[in-house]
């Protein structure tokens, strides 16, 4: 496929996905059932992000399958939003029929592409859109079979639909075989997802520095998505539906953003800064929060005989945490650099020692030797040259 055709097709699919999304909102408005929810925001954000990143990747790297996969996810998600709006419009109007029930059924299972494709094929094909080798074909087939099986068994689940309880699934099959098939699809999908995750580790260990930087972006996004999913599942009732869905949206949106940065290589090497800052401020937040809670409890116990109010304890604890912020940040930064960024930490120490020696060194030959040694140790160049300009002579 030529570059112009790939560009036209990529942005055409992105525009089609957005058009489906807009069509869904229009049908909601016509049906007078428009009510913006977190689920609507989730659908909108996923469609737009996957469409934009997919179009950019497909335009610049037409041979990379990830761009086209992202566009497929965007189109299927946009179609799910349109199907939900169309079904709402027809069913609220009392028209019903097989077309409306089919749209409602698809809206019910439209979560499958954007939930199951990223943790399988994105991991397996990242960053160049190809399998690591032919040996990974069974993993790809397992992921494809698991996704297809999950979609099929969800489509054939009997009974009323969750979003449209007045509609019984017209494609539902009340069969004892459906349960084992669902379990089999889940097991096969699990094999595909685990194999895809292992492929990322293999790529990272065998890849060059640039490919490792790309994978780091995806790893950070995957960590964010995994944490969001764990928090959603464990604290769903406490957080409420709106907040829980917002966490899932944040986690899912991190994947196309990181994949776009990694594949298009825009600010690729900033990932080390992102990881460093995440480690530092994550540890800082946890330590200061623990310090604050412990301080409030201890001060309440100590000040209870003097004042029944907790405001003084809270104020003192707040001031203490504020005073600890900068010292704690510097200490945690040093620990993170020493533990995870040893090269950077050693380079900083070397430069500090050189700066201290520079103030007392007056011999230019010794200074040149020291400067070459510092540059070699910190930057590790292939060659170092040291040149001094001759002083101008006055006539």
Protein backbone atom coordinates (compact mmCIF):
# COMPACT_ATOMS: atom_id res chain seq x y z
CA UNK A 1 0.00 0.00 0.00
CA UNK A 2 1.35 3.41 -0.97
CA UNK A 3 1.91 6.11 1.63
CA UNK A 4 -0.90 8.31 0.25
CA UNK A 5 -3.41 5.47 0.27
CA UNK A 6 -2.40 4.46 3.77
CA UNK A 7 -2.82 8.06 4.97
CA UNK A 8 -6.23 8.37 3.33
CA UNK A 9 -7.44 5.05 4.72
CA UNK A 10 -6.08 5.75 8.22
CA UNK A 11 -7.69 9.15 8.63
CA UNK A 12 -10.84 7.90 6.89
CA UNK A 13 -11.22 5.16 9.51
CA UNK A 14 -10.52 7.67 12.29
CA UNK A 15 -13.16 10.03 10.91
CA UNK A 16 -15.61 7.13 10.57
CA UNK A 17 -15.08 6.19 14.22
CA UNK A 18 -15.70 9.78 15.32
CA UNK A 19 -18.78 9.98 13.07
CA UNK A 20 -20.22 6.86 14.70
CA UNK A 21 -19.59 8.40 18.10
CA UNK A 22 -21.32 11.64 17.12
CA UNK A 23 -24.17 9.65 15.60
CA UNK A 24 -24.70 7.92 18.92
CA UNK A 25 -25.01 11.24 20.76
CA UNK A 26 -27.41 12.52 18.09
CA UNK A 27 -29.69 9.50 18.54
CA UNK A 28 -29.61 10.04 22.32
CA UNK A 29 -30.66 13.66 21.79
CA UNK A 30 -33.46 12.74 19.37
CA UNK A 31 -34.72 10.14 21.84
CA UNK A 32 -34.61 12.83 24.57
CA UNK A 33 -32.56 10.40 26.65
CA UNK A 34 -29.26 12.27 26.64
CA UNK A 35 -27.54 12.15 30.02
CA UNK A 36 -23.77 12.46 30.11
CA UNK A 37 -22.32 9.72 32.33
CA UNK A 38 -18.86 8.44 33.10
CA UNK A 39 -19.51 5.55 30.72
CA UNK A 40 -20.19 8.04 27.91
CA UNK A 41 -16.99 9.90 28.72
CA UNK A 42 -15.13 6.59 28.74
CA UNK A 43 -16.48 5.63 25.32
CA UNK A 44 -15.69 9.08 23.90
CA UNK A 45 -12.16 9.21 25.28
CA UNK A 46 -11.30 5.69 24.16
CA UNK A 47 -12.65 6.25 20.66
CA UNK A 48 -10.84 9.56 20.18
CA UNK A 49 -7.53 8.43 21.64
CA UNK A 50 -7.35 5.13 19.77
CA UNK A 51 -8.47 6.83 16.55
CA UNK A 52 -5.91 9.64 16.78
CA UNK A 53 -2.94 7.47 17.82
CA UNK A 54 -3.91 4.74 15.35
CA UNK A 55 -4.14 7.21 12.47
CA UNK A 56 -0.77 8.77 13.30
CA UNK A 57 0.95 5.38 13.50
CA UNK A 58 -0.73 4.05 10.34
CA UNK A 59 0.16 7.22 8.44
CA UNK A 60 3.84 7.25 9.41
CA UNK A 61 4.39 3.49 9.59
CA UNK A 62 1.82 1.77 7.31
CA UNK A 63 3.50 -1.58 7.83
CA UNK A 64 3.04 -1.46 11.58
CA UNK A 65 -0.04 -3.52 12.49
CA UNK A 66 -0.55 -1.69 15.79
CA UNK A 67 -1.84 1.43 14.02
CA UNK A 68 -4.51 -0.52 12.17
CA UNK A 69 -5.42 -2.47 15.31
CA UNK A 70 -5.94 0.80 17.16
CA UNK A 71 -8.15 2.08 14.36
CA UNK A 72 -10.17 -1.13 14.51
CA UNK A 73 -10.63 -0.67 18.26
CA UNK A 74 -11.74 2.93 17.67
CA UNK A 75 -14.27 1.94 15.01
CA UNK A 76 -15.70 -0.91 17.10
CA UNK A 77 -15.98 1.31 20.17
CA UNK A 78 -17.60 4.11 18.18
CA UNK A 79 -19.99 1.56 16.69
CA UNK A 80 -20.82 0.41 20.22
CA UNK A 81 -21.72 3.97 21.22
CA UNK A 82 -23.86 4.40 18.11
CA UNK A 83 -25.56 1.03 18.65
CA UNK A 84 -26.39 1.96 22.25
CA UNK A 85 -27.88 5.30 21.19
CA UNK A 86 -29.81 3.73 18.29
CA UNK A 87 -31.22 1.00 20.52
CA UNK A 88 -32.26 3.60 23.10
CA UNK A 89 -33.99 5.65 20.41
CA UNK A 90 -35.90 2.72 18.94
CA UNK A 91 -36.84 1.04 22.21
CA UNK A 92 -37.94 4.24 23.95
CA UNK A 93 -40.14 4.95 20.94
CA UNK A 94 -41.77 1.56 21.30
CA UNK A 95 -40.65 0.39 17.87
CA UNK A 96 -38.31 -2.40 18.91
CA UNK A 97 -37.74 -5.07 16.31
CA UNK A 98 -34.78 -7.30 15.50
CA UNK A 99 -32.61 -4.39 14.31
CA UNK A 100 -32.97 -2.52 17.60
CA UNK A 101 -32.42 -5.69 19.63
CA UNK A 102 -29.31 -6.51 17.58
CA UNK A 103 -27.95 -3.01 18.23
CA UNK A 104 -28.64 -3.44 21.94
CA UNK A 105 -26.87 -6.80 21.94
CA UNK A 106 -23.80 -5.38 20.22
CA UNK A 107 -23.73 -2.45 22.64
CA UNK A 108 -23.67 -5.02 25.43
CA UNK A 109 -20.53 -6.74 24.11
CA UNK A 110 -18.73 -3.72 22.60
CA UNK A 111 -16.35 -3.67 25.59
CA UNK A 112 -14.48 -6.70 24.28
CA UNK A 113 -12.19 -4.95 21.73
CA UNK A 114 -10.87 -2.10 23.87
CA UNK A 115 -10.56 -4.23 27.02
CA UNK A 116 -9.03 -7.41 25.57
CA UNK A 117 -7.03 -6.29 22.52
CA UNK A 118 -4.49 -3.97 24.28
CA UNK A 119 -3.31 -6.53 26.89
CA UNK A 120 -2.85 -9.16 24.18
CA UNK A 121 -1.96 -7.98 20.68
CA UNK A 122 -0.52 -4.61 21.72
CA UNK A 123 1.96 -6.38 23.99
CA UNK A 124 2.68 -9.12 21.49
CA UNK A 125 3.36 -6.84 18.50
CA UNK A 126 4.88 -3.79 20.20
CA UNK A 127 6.77 -1.79 18.98
CA UNK A 128 7.27 -2.72 15.30
CA UNK A 129 3.94 -4.47 14.67
CA UNK A 130 5.51 -7.90 14.13
CA UNK A 131 5.87 -11.00 16.25
CA UNK A 132 9.26 -11.44 17.94
CA UNK A 133 9.64 -14.61 15.86
CA UNK A 134 7.57 -17.38 14.30
CA UNK A 135 7.68 -19.27 17.58
CA UNK A 136 5.18 -16.79 19.01
CA UNK A 137 2.47 -17.64 16.49
CA UNK A 138 0.67 -20.03 18.91
CA UNK A 139 0.43 -17.17 21.41
CA UNK A 140 -1.12 -14.95 18.74
CA UNK A 141 -3.59 -17.68 17.80
CA UNK A 142 -4.47 -18.23 21.46
CA UNK A 143 -5.11 -14.49 21.97
CA UNK A 144 -7.24 -14.30 18.82
CA UNK A 145 -9.21 -17.42 19.74
CA UNK A 146 -9.73 -16.19 23.31
CA UNK A 147 -11.01 -12.79 22.16
CA UNK A 148 -13.27 -14.34 19.52
CA UNK A 149 -14.55 -16.93 22.01
CA UNK A 150 -15.27 -14.30 24.65
CA UNK A 151 -17.13 -12.17 22.10
CA UNK A 152 -19.15 -15.14 20.84
CA UNK A 153 -20.12 -16.49 24.28
CA UNK A 154 -21.02 -12.99 25.50
CA UNK A 155 -23.12 -12.49 22.38
CA UNK A 156 -25.00 -15.76 23.00
CA UNK A 157 -25.58 -15.26 26.73
CA UNK A 158 -29.32 -15.79 27.33
CA UNK A 159 -31.59 -13.55 29.39
CA UNK A 160 -32.25 -9.81 29.59
CA UNK A 161 -29.53 -7.36 28.62
CA UNK A 162 -27.90 -5.36 31.41
CA UNK A 163 -28.41 -1.92 29.81
CA UNK A 164 -31.76 -2.86 28.31
CA UNK A 165 -33.49 -5.12 30.86
CA UNK A 166 -36.72 -4.99 28.87
CA UNK A 167 -34.99 -6.86 26.03
CA UNK A 168 -34.17 -10.56 26.11
CA UNK A 169 -31.09 -11.34 24.05
CA UNK A 170 -32.51 -12.45 20.66
CA UNK A 171 -29.32 -14.41 20.04
CA UNK A 172 -29.20 -16.04 23.45
CA UNK A 173 -28.68 -19.77 23.57
CA UNK A 174 -29.91 -21.61 26.64
CA UNK A 175 -27.56 -24.56 26.43
CA UNK A 176 -25.44 -26.39 29.02
CA UNK A 177 -22.53 -26.19 26.57
CA UNK A 178 -22.33 -22.38 26.83
CA UNK A 179 -20.81 -22.43 30.32
CA UNK A 180 -17.89 -24.76 29.42
CA UNK A 181 -17.29 -22.80 26.20
CA UNK A 182 -17.08 -19.57 28.20
CA UNK A 183 -14.59 -21.15 30.57
CA UNK A 184 -12.54 -22.52 27.69
CA UNK A 185 -12.45 -19.10 26.00
CA UNK A 186 -11.28 -17.54 29.26
CA UNK A 187 -8.48 -20.08 29.68
CA UNK A 188 -7.29 -19.67 26.08
CA UNK A 189 -7.43 -15.89 26.43
CA UNK A 190 -5.43 -16.11 29.65
CA UNK A 191 -2.76 -18.11 27.84
CA UNK A 192 -2.62 -15.50 25.09
CA UNK A 193 -2.36 -12.57 27.51
CA UNK A 194 0.34 -14.21 29.65
CA UNK A 195 2.29 -15.20 26.54
CA UNK A 196 2.02 -11.64 25.22
CA UNK A 197 3.38 -10.26 28.50
CA UNK A 198 6.28 -12.72 28.35
CA UNK A 199 7.06 -11.61 24.80
CA UNK A 200 7.54 -8.04 26.04
CA UNK A 201 10.08 -9.27 28.61
CA UNK A 202 11.91 -11.22 25.92
CA UNK A 203 12.00 -8.20 23.61
CA UNK A 204 13.31 -6.01 26.41
CA UNK A 205 16.12 -8.40 27.31
CA UNK A 206 17.21 -8.86 23.69
CA UNK A 207 16.48 -5.38 22.38
CA UNK A 208 18.79 -2.46 21.86
CA UNK A 209 18.68 0.75 23.89
CA UNK A 210 16.07 2.45 21.68
CA UNK A 211 13.72 -0.53 21.76
CA UNK A 212 14.14 -0.77 25.52
CA UNK A 213 13.11 2.87 25.87
CA UNK A 214 10.01 2.14 23.79
CA UNK A 215 9.10 -0.83 25.97
CA UNK A 216 9.61 1.24 29.12
CA UNK A 217 6.84 3.58 28.01
CA UNK A 218 4.50 0.63 27.50
CA UNK A 219 5.52 -0.89 30.83
CA UNK A 220 4.68 2.30 32.70
CA UNK A 221 1.29 2.53 30.97
CA UNK A 222 0.62 -1.13 31.68
CA UNK A 223 1.44 -0.58 35.35
CA UNK A 224 -0.99 2.34 35.49
CA UNK A 225 -3.72 0.25 33.84
CA UNK A 226 -3.08 -2.70 36.17
CA UNK A 227 -3.19 -0.51 39.29
CA UNK A 228 -6.39 1.15 38.08
CA UNK A 229 -7.98 -2.26 37.47
CA UNK A 230 -6.93 -3.60 40.87
CA UNK A 231 -8.26 -0.51 42.66
CA UNK A 232 -11.47 -0.71 40.63
CA UNK A 233 -12.09 -4.36 41.51
CA UNK A 234 -11.14 -4.09 45.19
CA UNK A 235 -12.74 -0.73 46.03
CA UNK A 236 -15.64 -0.58 43.56
CA UNK A 237 -18.37 -0.35 46.21
CA UNK A 238 -16.45 2.19 48.29
CA UNK A 239 -15.54 4.44 45.36
CA UNK A 240 -18.85 4.27 43.56
CA UNK A 241 -19.57 3.59 39.91
CA UNK A 242 -18.56 7.02 38.61
CA UNK A 243 -15.12 7.11 40.27
CA UNK A 244 -14.43 3.43 39.51
CA UNK A 245 -15.24 3.92 35.82
CA UNK A 246 -13.06 7.03 35.81
CA UNK A 247 -10.12 4.97 37.07
CA UNK A 248 -10.64 2.40 34.33
CA UNK A 249 -10.79 5.19 31.75
CA UNK A 250 -7.51 6.65 33.00
CA UNK A 251 -5.85 3.25 32.93
CA UNK A 252 -7.07 2.36 29.43
CA UNK A 253 -6.14 5.76 27.99
CA UNK A 254 -2.57 5.41 29.24
CA UNK A 255 -1.98 2.54 26.78
CA UNK A 256 -2.54 4.34 23.45
CA UNK A 257 -0.70 7.41 24.74
CA UNK A 258 2.36 5.38 25.73
CA UNK A 259 2.23 3.28 22.56
CA UNK A 260 2.08 6.43 20.43
CA UNK A 261 5.09 7.95 22.18
CA UNK A 262 7.02 4.70 21.97
CA UNK A 263 6.33 3.95 18.31
CA UNK A 264 6.53 7.51 16.99
CA UNK A 265 9.55 8.14 19.26
CA UNK A 266 8.41 11.61 20.30
CA UNK A 267 10.22 12.48 23.56
CA UNK A 268 11.17 8.82 23.74
CA UNK A 269 14.01 9.23 26.18
CA UNK A 270 11.92 11.20 28.68
CA UNK A 271 10.64 7.89 30.05
CA UNK A 272 13.54 7.65 32.51
CA UNK A 273 12.51 11.02 33.93
CA UNK A 274 8.89 9.86 34.18
CA UNK A 275 9.87 6.67 36.00
CA UNK A 276 12.25 8.54 38.29
CA UNK A 277 9.67 11.15 39.22
CA UNK A 278 6.98 8.52 39.69
CA UNK A 279 9.15 6.55 42.10
CA UNK A 280 10.20 9.66 44.02
CA UNK A 281 6.81 11.32 44.36
CA UNK A 282 4.97 8.05 44.89
CA UNK A 283 7.24 7.17 47.80
CA UNK A 284 7.11 10.77 49.04
CA UNK A 285 3.31 10.83 49.00
CA UNK A 286 3.06 7.52 50.84
CA UNK A 287 5.63 8.49 53.48
CA UNK A 288 4.15 11.94 54.10
CA UNK A 289 0.62 10.53 54.29
CA UNK A 290 1.75 7.94 56.85
CA UNK A 291 3.61 10.62 58.80
CA UNK A 292 0.55 12.85 58.80
CA UNK A 293 -1.80 10.13 60.04
CA UNK A 294 0.57 8.97 62.77
CA UNK A 295 1.24 12.56 63.86
CA UNK A 296 -2.45 13.39 64.09
CA UNK A 297 -3.17 10.29 66.17
CA UNK A 298 -0.25 10.85 68.54
CA UNK A 299 -0.97 14.55 68.96
CA UNK A 300 -4.63 13.86 69.65
CA UNK A 301 -3.61 11.47 72.43
CA UNK A 302 -1.10 13.96 73.89
CA UNK A 303 -3.32 17.03 73.64
CA UNK A 304 -6.55 15.36 74.73
CA UNK A 305 -6.15 16.51 78.39
CA UNK A 306 -5.55 20.10 77.22
CA UNK A 307 -8.17 20.59 74.51
CA UNK A 308 -11.08 18.45 73.30
CA UNK A 309 -10.77 19.81 69.77
CA UNK A 310 -8.70 18.04 67.12
CA UNK A 311 -7.95 21.23 65.18
CA UNK A 312 -4.68 21.90 67.01
CA UNK A 313 -3.39 18.38 66.33
CA UNK A 314 -4.33 18.66 62.67
CA UNK A 315 -2.65 22.06 62.35
CA UNK A 316 0.58 20.91 64.00
CA UNK A 317 0.68 17.73 61.89
CA UNK A 318 0.11 19.74 58.72
CA UNK A 319 2.95 22.13 59.55
CA UNK A 320 5.24 19.20 60.37
CA UNK A 321 4.50 17.50 57.06
CA UNK A 322 5.04 20.78 55.18
CA UNK A 323 8.41 21.21 56.89
CA UNK A 324 9.41 17.64 56.02
CA UNK A 325 8.50 17.90 52.33
CA UNK A 326 11.79 19.18 50.87
CA UNK A 327 14.17 17.20 53.13
CA UNK A 328 12.18 14.03 52.53
CA UNK A 329 12.11 14.62 48.79
CA UNK A 330 15.88 15.10 48.66
CA UNK A 331 16.49 11.99 50.74
CA UNK A 332 14.11 9.83 48.67
CA UNK A 333 15.58 11.21 45.43
CA UNK A 334 19.06 10.19 46.59
CA UNK A 335 17.85 6.70 47.53
CA UNK A 336 16.09 6.22 44.18
CA UNK A 337 19.10 7.44 42.22
CA UNK A 338 21.46 5.24 44.20
CA UNK A 339 19.22 2.15 43.91
CA UNK A 340 17.74 2.43 40.40
CA UNK A 341 19.94 4.96 38.58
CA UNK A 342 23.38 4.05 39.80
CA UNK A 343 25.17 5.42 36.75
CA UNK A 344 23.53 8.81 37.11
CA UNK A 345 24.21 8.83 40.86
CA UNK A 346 27.88 7.97 40.37
CA UNK A 347 28.20 10.60 37.63
CA UNK A 348 26.77 13.30 39.90
CA UNK A 349 29.19 12.36 42.68
CA UNK A 350 32.09 12.42 40.22
CA UNK A 351 31.14 15.89 38.96
CA UNK A 352 30.78 17.16 42.50
CA UNK A 353 34.25 15.89 43.38
CA UNK A 354 35.69 17.46 40.23
CA UNK A 355 34.05 20.77 41.06
CA UNK A 356 35.64 20.70 44.50
CA UNK A 357 39.08 19.95 43.03
CA UNK A 358 38.70 22.61 40.35
CA UNK A 359 38.72 25.38 42.93
CA UNK A 360 42.19 24.37 44.19
CA UNK A 361 43.88 23.14 41.00
CA UNK A 362 46.21 25.59 39.25
CA UNK A 363 48.27 23.22 37.09
CA UNK A 364 46.72 23.16 33.59
CA UNK A 365 48.25 19.78 32.70
CA UNK A 366 46.86 18.17 35.84
CA UNK A 367 43.53 19.90 35.25
CA UNK A 368 43.37 18.57 31.70
CA UNK A 369 44.10 15.02 32.82
CA UNK A 370 41.45 15.27 35.52
CA UNK A 371 38.90 16.72 33.08
CA UNK A 372 39.49 13.91 30.59
CA UNK A 373 39.11 11.33 33.34
CA UNK A 374 35.82 12.87 34.52
CA UNK A 375 34.36 13.06 31.00
CA UNK A 376 35.37 9.45 30.32
CA UNK A 377 33.84 8.22 33.57
CA UNK A 378 30.56 10.12 33.33
CA UNK A 379 29.84 10.25 29.57
CA UNK A 380 31.86 7.21 28.40
CA UNK A 381 32.64 8.64 24.93
CA UNK A 382 34.59 6.76 22.28
CA UNK A 383 37.23 9.50 22.14
CA UNK A 384 38.14 12.54 24.22
CA UNK A 385 40.18 15.52 23.06
CA UNK A 386 41.26 18.42 25.21
CA UNK A 387 42.29 21.67 23.52
CA UNK A 388 43.48 24.95 25.03
CA UNK A 389 43.73 28.13 23.04
CA UNK A 390 47.07 29.88 23.15
CA UNK A 391 46.86 33.26 24.91
CA UNK A 392 47.08 36.26 22.62
CA UNK A 393 50.39 38.10 22.74
CA UNK A 394 50.35 41.84 23.17
CA UNK A 395 52.59 44.02 21.01
